[in-house]
Amino acid sequence: MAHIFIDESGQFVKHNHEEYFVVASFTVGDPRRTDKQFKVWQHNHFPRKLRHQAEIKFSEVKITDTLRLKTLQQISRLDVRIRYTYLRRENIPDTFRKDEKVSSGELYTQVIGETLEMYLPTSEQEFRVFCDRRHLKGSTEGQFRSTLTARILPNLPAQSIVQIQMIDSTTNRNIQIADWIAGALARYLEKKPLGTDGYSILKNNIIGEGKELFPHSPLADNQKTQPIG
């Protein structure tokens, strides 16, 4: 049985000078075990005011960088198997833009589909995916599920069970773990402080390499097609 937990870091639109949108995902043998262990870590190691908070994100300003790295080390010991995708905001294709705005619902569905394909094909009879709940502009959660299910099913054994669910990250610590992984990988790609250290901690848990989506700039492609002279 595959349980895949997904969260992201960054935005499709300009925000805090971020260049990348990063999606982190992982599988683990026993999701209840990782949920419990992350909860115990939070209660034992985070500042007193944060120990019973429903969610603590990687970007939480009330924790130190030293604690961030120690928490990543704890995550690396939880036997998580990580796969991730990323894209440069400037490379988002025109097909996902309308009236100069990004069709974020359609684009997010495509990005998650690309991420899930890193797990396929598989012989697993149950394929369960849990994403952090987010607004899907121009789309619905039902469309999100049906589009991804149709994309996944041909690469699964016959009569497999597919579950794709958006859940509130405050109720699921595995989603919070995915947030921490995504945050660390984003720091690495953005070449920000802690990026190299965070990646070094997680690298042995990463399966293969990160997959860059839309690696070519639409502007550069358009320039190539312009007639010369």
C-alpha atoms as a PDB file:
ATOM      1  CA  MET A   1       0.000   0.000   0.000  1.00  0.00           C
ATOM      2  CA  ALA A   2       1.405   3.400  -0.986  1.00  0.00           C
ATOM      3  CA  HIS A   3       0.652   6.401   1.219  1.00  0.00           C
ATOM      4  CA  ILE A   4       2.002   9.575  -0.376  1.00  0.00           C
ATOM      5  CA  PHE A   5       2.035  12.888   1.491  1.00  0.00           C
ATOM      6  CA  ILE A   6       2.504  16.142  -0.409  1.00  0.00           C
ATOM      7  CA  ASP A   7       3.043  19.793   0.385  1.00  0.00           C
ATOM      8  CA  GLU A   8       4.622  22.703  -1.428  1.00  0.00           C
ATOM      9  CA  SER A   9       6.744  25.777  -0.874  1.00  0.00           C
ATOM     10  CA  GLY A  10       6.500  28.989  -2.850  1.00  0.00           C
ATOM     11  CA  GLN A  11       3.836  30.560  -4.990  1.00  0.00           C
ATOM     12  CA  PHE A  12       2.988  30.579  -8.683  1.00  0.00           C
ATOM     13  CA  VAL A  13       2.990  34.370  -8.576  1.00  0.00           C
ATOM     14  CA  LYS A  14       5.741  36.690  -7.380  1.00  0.00           C
ATOM     15  CA  HIS A  15       6.151  36.480  -3.609  1.00  0.00           C
ATOM     16  CA  ASN A  16       9.122  37.415  -1.399  1.00  0.00           C
ATOM     17  CA  HIS A  17      11.435  37.313  -4.428  1.00  0.00           C
ATOM     18  CA  GLU A  18      10.988  33.540  -4.706  1.00  0.00           C
ATOM     19  CA  GLU A  19      12.197  32.072  -7.977  1.00  0.00           C
ATOM     20  CA  TYR A  20      10.926  28.517  -7.491  1.00  0.00           C
ATOM     21  CA  PHE A  21       7.736  26.619  -6.718  1.00  0.00           C
ATOM     22  CA  VAL A  22       8.668  23.341  -5.012  1.00  0.00           C
ATOM     23  CA  VAL A  23       6.518  20.275  -4.381  1.00  0.00           C
ATOM     24  CA  ALA A  24       7.822  17.734  -1.871  1.00  0.00           C
ATOM     25  CA  SER A  25       6.339  14.273  -1.463  1.00  0.00           C
ATOM     26  CA  PHE A  26       7.244  11.197   0.520  1.00  0.00           C
ATOM     27  CA  THR A  27       6.164   7.679   1.286  1.00  0.00           C
ATOM     28  CA  VAL A  28       6.713   5.879   4.562  1.00  0.00           C
ATOM     29  CA  GLY A  29       6.074   2.377   5.830  1.00  0.00           C
ATOM     30  CA  ASP A  30       3.815   3.337   8.739  1.00  0.00           C
ATOM     31  CA  PRO A  31       2.180   6.806   8.525  1.00  0.00           C
ATOM     32  CA  ARG A  32       0.790   6.537  12.067  1.00  0.00           C
ATOM     33  CA  ARG A  33       4.296   6.007  13.403  1.00  0.00           C
ATOM     34  CA  THR A  34       5.740   9.106  11.688  1.00  0.00           C
ATOM     35  CA  ASP A  35       2.739  11.176  12.790  1.00  0.00           C
ATOM     36  CA  LYS A  36       3.283  10.134  16.416  1.00  0.00           C
ATOM     37  CA  GLN A  37       7.051  10.595  16.343  1.00  0.00           C
ATOM     38  CA  PHE A  38       6.802  14.114  14.894  1.00  0.00           C
ATOM     39  CA  LYS A  39       4.259  14.996  17.582  1.00  0.00           C
ATOM     40  CA  VAL A  40       6.591  13.704  20.311  1.00  0.00           C
ATOM     41  CA  TRP A  41       9.499  15.658  18.811  1.00  0.00           C
ATOM     42  CA  GLN A  42       7.424  18.851  18.807  1.00  0.00           C
ATOM     43  CA  HIS A  43       6.382  18.389  22.449  1.00  0.00           C
ATOM     44  CA  ASN A  44       9.914  17.589  23.624  1.00  0.00           C
ATOM     45  CA  HIS A  45      12.077  19.985  21.614  1.00  0.00           C
ATOM     46  CA  PHE A  46      10.138  23.038  20.497  1.00  0.00           C
ATOM     47  CA  PRO A  47       9.781  26.201  22.600  1.00  0.00           C
ATOM     48  CA  ARG A  48       7.152  25.837  25.308  1.00  0.00           C
ATOM     49  CA  LYS A  49       4.663  28.167  23.577  1.00  0.00           C
ATOM     50  CA  LEU A  50       4.821  26.043  20.422  1.00  0.00           C
ATOM     51  CA  ARG A  51       4.692  22.563  21.922  1.00  0.00           C
ATOM     52  CA  HIS A  52       0.916  22.219  21.683  1.00  0.00           C
ATOM     53  CA  GLN A  53       0.389  24.329  18.563  1.00  0.00           C
ATOM     54  CA  ALA A  54      -1.623  22.502  15.890  1.00  0.00           C
ATOM     55  CA  GLU A  55       0.991  23.147  13.210  1.00  0.00           C
ATOM     56  CA  ILE A  56       4.547  24.430  13.045  1.00  0.00           C
ATOM     57  CA  LYS A  57       5.804  25.242   9.577  1.00  0.00           C
ATOM     58  CA  PHE A  58       9.414  25.204   8.422  1.00  0.00           C
ATOM     59  CA  SER A  59       9.167  28.986   8.030  1.00  0.00           C
ATOM     60  CA  GLU A  60       8.040  29.561  11.648  1.00  0.00           C
ATOM     61  CA  VAL A  61       9.902  32.679  12.834  1.00  0.00           C
ATOM     62  CA  LYS A  62       9.829  31.671  16.503  1.00  0.00           C
ATOM     63  CA  ILE A  63      12.272  28.799  16.077  1.00  0.00           C
ATOM     64  CA  THR A  64      16.019  29.007  15.557  1.00  0.00           C
ATOM     65  CA  ASP A  65      17.958  27.774  12.553  1.00  0.00           C
ATOM     66  CA  THR A  66      19.701  25.306  14.845  1.00  0.00           C
ATOM     67  CA  LEU A  67      16.332  23.788  15.752  1.00  0.00           C
ATOM     68  CA  ARG A  68      15.343  23.745  12.070  1.00  0.00           C
ATOM     69  CA  LEU A  69      18.363  21.619  11.225  1.00  0.00           C
ATOM     70  CA  LYS A  70      17.841  19.330  14.230  1.00  0.00           C
ATOM     71  CA  THR A  71      14.207  18.827  13.167  1.00  0.00           C
ATOM     72  CA  LEU A  72      15.313  17.959   9.629  1.00  0.00           C
ATOM     73  CA  GLN A  73      17.726  15.435  11.131  1.00  0.00           C
ATOM     74  CA  GLN A  74      14.836  13.900  13.054  1.00  0.00           C
ATOM     75  CA  ILE A  75      12.756  13.739   9.862  1.00  0.00           C
ATOM     76  CA  SER A  76      15.626  12.022   8.042  1.00  0.00           C
ATOM     77  CA  ARG A  77      15.545   9.289  10.699  1.00  0.00           C
ATOM     78  CA  LEU A  78      11.849   8.573  10.137  1.00  0.00           C
ATOM     79  CA  ASP A  79      12.531   6.397   7.071  1.00  0.00           C
ATOM     80  CA  VAL A  80      10.786   8.826   4.726  1.00  0.00           C
ATOM     81  CA  ARG A  81      11.445   8.266   1.014  1.00  0.00           C
ATOM     82  CA  ILE A  82      11.349  11.617  -0.749  1.00  0.00           C
ATOM     83  CA  ARG A  83      10.606  12.602  -4.325  1.00  0.00           C
ATOM     84  CA  TYR A  84      10.212  16.203  -5.419  1.00  0.00           C
ATOM     85  CA  THR A  85       9.462  18.417  -8.378  1.00  0.00           C
ATOM     86  CA  TYR A  86      10.070  22.098  -8.919  1.00  0.00           C
ATOM     87  CA  LEU A  87       9.627  24.832 -11.471  1.00  0.00           C
ATOM     88  CA  ARG A  88      10.812  28.354 -12.062  1.00  0.00           C
ATOM     89  CA  ARG A  89       7.934  30.796 -11.938  1.00  0.00           C
ATOM     90  CA  GLU A  90       9.208  32.565 -15.042  1.00  0.00           C
ATOM     91  CA  ASN A  91       8.992  29.300 -17.006  1.00  0.00           C
ATOM     92  CA  ILE A  92       5.267  28.675 -16.459  1.00  0.00           C
ATOM     93  CA  PRO A  93       3.916  27.989 -19.977  1.00  0.00           C
ATOM     94  CA  ASP A  94       1.434  30.329 -21.611  1.00  0.00           C
ATOM     95  CA  THR A  95      -1.077  27.449 -21.672  1.00  0.00           C
ATOM     96  CA  PHE A  96      -1.508  28.001 -17.919  1.00  0.00           C
ATOM     97  CA  ARG A  97      -2.032  31.744 -18.215  1.00  0.00           C
ATOM     98  CA  LYS A  98      -5.213  33.609 -18.936  1.00  0.00           C
ATOM     99  CA  ASP A  99      -5.464  37.391 -19.229  1.00  0.00           C
ATOM    100  CA  GLU A 100      -1.897  37.599 -17.882  1.00  0.00           C
ATOM    101  CA  LYS A 101      -2.899  35.660 -14.741  1.00  0.00           C
ATOM    102  CA  VAL A 102      -1.862  32.120 -13.836  1.00  0.00           C
ATOM    103  CA  SER A 103      -4.609  29.484 -13.905  1.00  0.00           C
ATOM    104  CA  SER A 104      -3.398  28.140 -10.582  1.00  0.00           C
ATOM    105  CA  GLY A 105      -5.929  25.318 -10.224  1.00  0.00           C
ATOM    106  CA  GLU A 106      -5.088  23.789 -13.594  1.00  0.00           C
ATOM    107  CA  LEU A 107      -1.349  24.330 -13.100  1.00  0.00           C
ATOM    108  CA  TYR A 108      -1.333  22.825  -9.601  1.00  0.00           C
ATOM    109  CA  THR A 109      -3.184  19.753 -10.901  1.00  0.00           C
ATOM    110  CA  GLN A 110      -0.562  19.343 -13.622  1.00  0.00           C
ATOM    111  CA  VAL A 111       2.327  19.735 -11.173  1.00  0.00           C
ATOM    112  CA  ILE A 112       0.902  17.167  -8.745  1.00  0.00           C
ATOM    113  CA  GLY A 113       0.287  14.804 -11.663  1.00  0.00           C
ATOM    114  CA  GLU A 114       3.933  15.109 -12.709  1.00  0.00           C
ATOM    115  CA  THR A 115       5.008  14.470  -9.122  1.00  0.00           C
ATOM    116  CA  LEU A 116       2.854  11.355  -8.781  1.00  0.00           C
ATOM    117  CA  GLU A 117       4.190   9.942 -12.040  1.00  0.00           C
ATOM    118  CA  MET A 118       7.553   9.637 -10.299  1.00  0.00           C
ATOM    119  CA  TYR A 119       5.961   6.771  -8.325  1.00  0.00           C
ATOM    120  CA  LEU A 120       4.620   4.994 -11.399  1.00  0.00           C
ATOM    121  CA  PRO A 121       4.231   2.360 -12.640  1.00  0.00           C
ATOM    122  CA  THR A 122       3.740   0.387  -9.450  1.00  0.00           C
ATOM    123  CA  SER A 123       2.416  -2.990  -8.384  1.00  0.00           C
ATOM    124  CA  GLU A 124       0.709  -1.462  -5.327  1.00  0.00           C
ATOM    125  CA  GLN A 125      -2.983  -2.372  -5.112  1.00  0.00           C
ATOM    126  CA  GLU A 126      -3.741   0.749  -3.058  1.00  0.00           C
ATOM    127  CA  PHE A 127      -2.468   4.187  -4.055  1.00  0.00           C
ATOM    128  CA  ARG A 128      -3.413   6.824  -1.506  1.00  0.00           C
ATOM    129  CA  VAL A 129      -2.403  10.468  -1.909  1.00  0.00           C
ATOM    130  CA  PHE A 130      -2.822  13.217   0.681  1.00  0.00           C
ATOM    131  CA  CYS A 131      -2.173  16.859  -0.245  1.00  0.00           C
ATOM    132  CA  ASP A 132      -2.371  19.986   1.844  1.00  0.00           C
ATOM    133  CA  ARG A 133      -5.673  21.726   1.153  1.00  0.00           C
ATOM    134  CA  ARG A 134      -5.337  24.828  -1.017  1.00  0.00           C
ATOM    135  CA  HIS A 135      -7.564  27.020  -3.145  1.00  0.00           C
ATOM    136  CA  LEU A 136      -7.752  25.760  -6.730  1.00  0.00           C
ATOM    137  CA  LYS A 137      -8.511  28.910  -8.682  1.00  0.00           C
ATOM    138  CA  GLY A 138     -10.540  28.083 -11.777  1.00  0.00           C
ATOM    139  CA  SER A 139     -11.023  24.463 -10.709  1.00  0.00           C
ATOM    140  CA  THR A 140     -12.668  22.386  -7.994  1.00  0.00           C
ATOM    141  CA  GLU A 141     -11.416  19.739  -5.630  1.00  0.00           C
ATOM    142  CA  GLY A 142     -13.606  17.202  -7.422  1.00  0.00           C
ATOM    143  CA  GLN A 143     -12.012  18.045 -10.774  1.00  0.00           C
ATOM    144  CA  PHE A 144      -8.588  17.821  -9.143  1.00  0.00           C
ATOM    145  CA  ARG A 145      -9.296  14.310  -7.883  1.00  0.00           C
ATOM    146  CA  SER A 146     -10.906  13.027 -11.084  1.00  0.00           C
ATOM    147  CA  THR A 147      -8.155  14.385 -13.345  1.00  0.00           C
ATOM    148  CA  LEU A 148      -5.389  12.827 -11.255  1.00  0.00           C
ATOM    149  CA  THR A 149      -7.236   9.531 -10.854  1.00  0.00           C
ATOM    150  CA  ALA A 150      -7.630   9.237 -14.633  1.00  0.00           C
ATOM    151  CA  ARG A 151      -3.916   9.945 -15.045  1.00  0.00           C
ATOM    152  CA  ILE A 152      -2.810   7.414 -12.438  1.00  0.00           C
ATOM    153  CA  LEU A 153      -5.076   4.419 -13.083  1.00  0.00           C
ATOM    154  CA  PRO A 154      -3.486   3.215 -16.360  1.00  0.00           C
ATOM    155  CA  ASN A 155      -0.217   2.662 -14.471  1.00  0.00           C
ATOM    156  CA  LEU A 156      -1.729   0.600 -11.644  1.00  0.00           C
ATOM    157  CA  PRO A 157      -2.792  -3.051 -11.469  1.00  0.00           C
ATOM    158  CA  ALA A 158      -6.376  -3.816 -12.415  1.00  0.00           C
ATOM    159  CA  GLN A 159      -8.995  -3.026  -9.758  1.00  0.00           C
ATOM    160  CA  SER A 160      -6.566  -0.962  -7.705  1.00  0.00           C
ATOM    161  CA  ILE A 161      -7.908   1.444  -5.099  1.00  0.00           C
ATOM    162  CA  VAL A 162      -7.024   5.104  -5.702  1.00  0.00           C
ATOM    163  CA  GLN A 163      -7.597   7.733  -3.037  1.00  0.00           C
ATOM    164  CA  ILE A 164      -6.696  11.377  -3.623  1.00  0.00           C
ATOM    165  CA  GLN A 165      -7.590  13.707  -0.812  1.00  0.00           C
ATOM    166  CA  MET A 166      -6.895  17.276   0.202  1.00  0.00           C
ATOM    167  CA  ILE A 167      -6.683  17.613   3.963  1.00  0.00           C
ATOM    168  CA  ASP A 168      -6.074  20.381   6.461  1.00  0.00           C
ATOM    169  CA  SER A 169      -2.406  20.236   7.436  1.00  0.00           C
ATOM    170  CA  THR A 170      -3.249  21.196  11.031  1.00  0.00           C
ATOM    171  CA  THR A 171      -4.896  17.794  11.438  1.00  0.00           C
ATOM    172  CA  ASN A 172      -2.140  15.678   9.887  1.00  0.00           C
ATOM    173  CA  ARG A 173       1.501  15.776  10.935  1.00  0.00           C
ATOM    174  CA  ASN A 174       2.642  13.839   7.873  1.00  0.00           C
ATOM    175  CA  ILE A 175       1.558  16.801   5.772  1.00  0.00           C
ATOM    176  CA  GLN A 176       3.518  18.999   8.171  1.00  0.00           C
ATOM    177  CA  ILE A 177       6.578  16.815   7.618  1.00  0.00           C
ATOM    178  CA  ALA A 178       6.127  17.348   3.867  1.00  0.00           C
ATOM    179  CA  ASP A 179       6.029  21.105   4.535  1.00  0.00           C
ATOM    180  CA  TRP A 180       9.378  20.906   6.318  1.00  0.00           C
ATOM    181  CA  ILE A 181      10.897  18.922   3.459  1.00  0.00           C
ATOM    182  CA  ALA A 182       9.522  21.353   0.870  1.00  0.00           C
ATOM    183  CA  GLY A 183      10.797  24.326   2.849  1.00  0.00           C
ATOM    184  CA  ALA A 184      14.292  22.861   3.112  1.00  0.00           C
ATOM    185  CA  LEU A 185      14.423  21.988  -0.588  1.00  0.00           C
ATOM    186  CA  ALA A 186      13.213  25.461  -1.524  1.00  0.00           C
ATOM    187  CA  ARG A 187      15.989  27.006   0.585  1.00  0.00           C
ATOM    188  CA  TYR A 188      18.454  24.795  -1.285  1.00  0.00           C
ATOM    189  CA  LEU A 189      17.177  25.706  -4.753  1.00  0.00           C
ATOM    190  CA  GLU A 190      16.956  29.395  -3.894  1.00  0.00           C
ATOM    191  CA  LYS A 191      20.537  29.273  -2.519  1.00  0.00           C
ATOM    192  CA  LYS A 192      19.368  30.766   0.769  1.00  0.00           C
ATOM    193  CA  PRO A 193      20.880  30.271   4.244  1.00  0.00           C
ATOM    194  CA  LEU A 194      20.566  26.692   5.548  1.00  0.00           C
ATOM    195  CA  GLY A 195      19.846  25.443   2.032  1.00  0.00           C
ATOM    196  CA  THR A 196      22.997  23.384   1.579  1.00  0.00           C
ATOM    197  CA  ASP A 197      22.924  22.091   5.163  1.00  0.00           C
ATOM    198  CA  GLY A 198      19.267  21.106   4.907  1.00  0.00           C
ATOM    199  CA  TYR A 199      19.773  19.309   1.611  1.00  0.00           C
ATOM    200  CA  SER A 200      22.790  17.440   2.979  1.00  0.00           C
ATOM    201  CA  ILE A 201      20.660  16.152   5.854  1.00  0.00           C
ATOM    202  CA  LEU A 202      17.870  14.925   3.552  1.00  0.00           C
ATOM    203  CA  LYS A 203      19.854  13.731   0.542  1.00  0.00           C
ATOM    204  CA  ASN A 204      20.062  10.087   1.651  1.00  0.00           C
ATOM    205  CA  ASN A 205      16.248  10.017   1.887  1.00  0.00           C
ATOM    206  CA  ILE A 206      15.770  11.414  -1.627  1.00  0.00           C
ATOM    207  CA  ILE A 207      14.997   8.858  -4.347  1.00  0.00           C
ATOM    208  CA  GLY A 208      16.670   9.821  -7.610  1.00  0.00           C
ATOM    209  CA  GLU A 209      16.902  13.508  -8.458  1.00  0.00           C
ATOM    210  CA  GLY A 210      14.452  16.367  -8.245  1.00  0.00           C
ATOM    211  CA  LYS A 211      12.428  16.746 -11.423  1.00  0.00           C
ATOM    212  CA  GLU A 212      12.341  20.207 -12.978  1.00  0.00           C
ATOM    213  CA  LEU A 213       9.074  20.968 -14.752  1.00  0.00           C
ATOM    214  CA  PHE A 214       8.909  23.307 -17.749  1.00  0.00           C
ATOM    215  CA  PRO A 215      12.709  23.772 -17.845  1.00  0.00           C
ATOM    216  CA  HIS A 216      12.584  26.130 -20.809  1.00  0.00           C
ATOM    217  CA  SER A 217      11.443  29.741 -20.665  1.00  0.00           C
ATOM    218  CA  PRO A 218       8.408  30.516 -22.882  1.00  0.00           C
ATOM    219  CA  LEU A 219      10.057  33.829 -23.758  1.00  0.00           C
ATOM    220  CA  ALA A 220      13.236  32.087 -24.920  1.00  0.00           C
ATOM    221  CA  ASP A 221      11.208  29.606 -26.973  1.00  0.00           C
ATOM    222  CA  ASN A 222       9.282  32.449 -28.605  1.00  0.00           C
ATOM    223  CA  GLN A 223      12.511  34.234 -29.465  1.00  0.00           C
ATOM    224  CA  LYS A 224      13.828  31.089 -31.148  1.00  0.00           C
ATOM    225  CA  THR A 225      10.834  30.996 -33.458  1.00  0.00           C
ATOM    226  CA  GLN A 226      11.119  34.625 -34.549  1.00  0.00           C
ATOM    227  CA  PRO A 227      12.293  35.065 -38.175  1.00  0.00           C
ATOM    228  CA  ILE A 228      15.797  36.449 -38.610  1.00  0.00           C
ATOM    229  CA  GLY A 229      16.349  39.543 -40.733  1.00  0.00           C
END
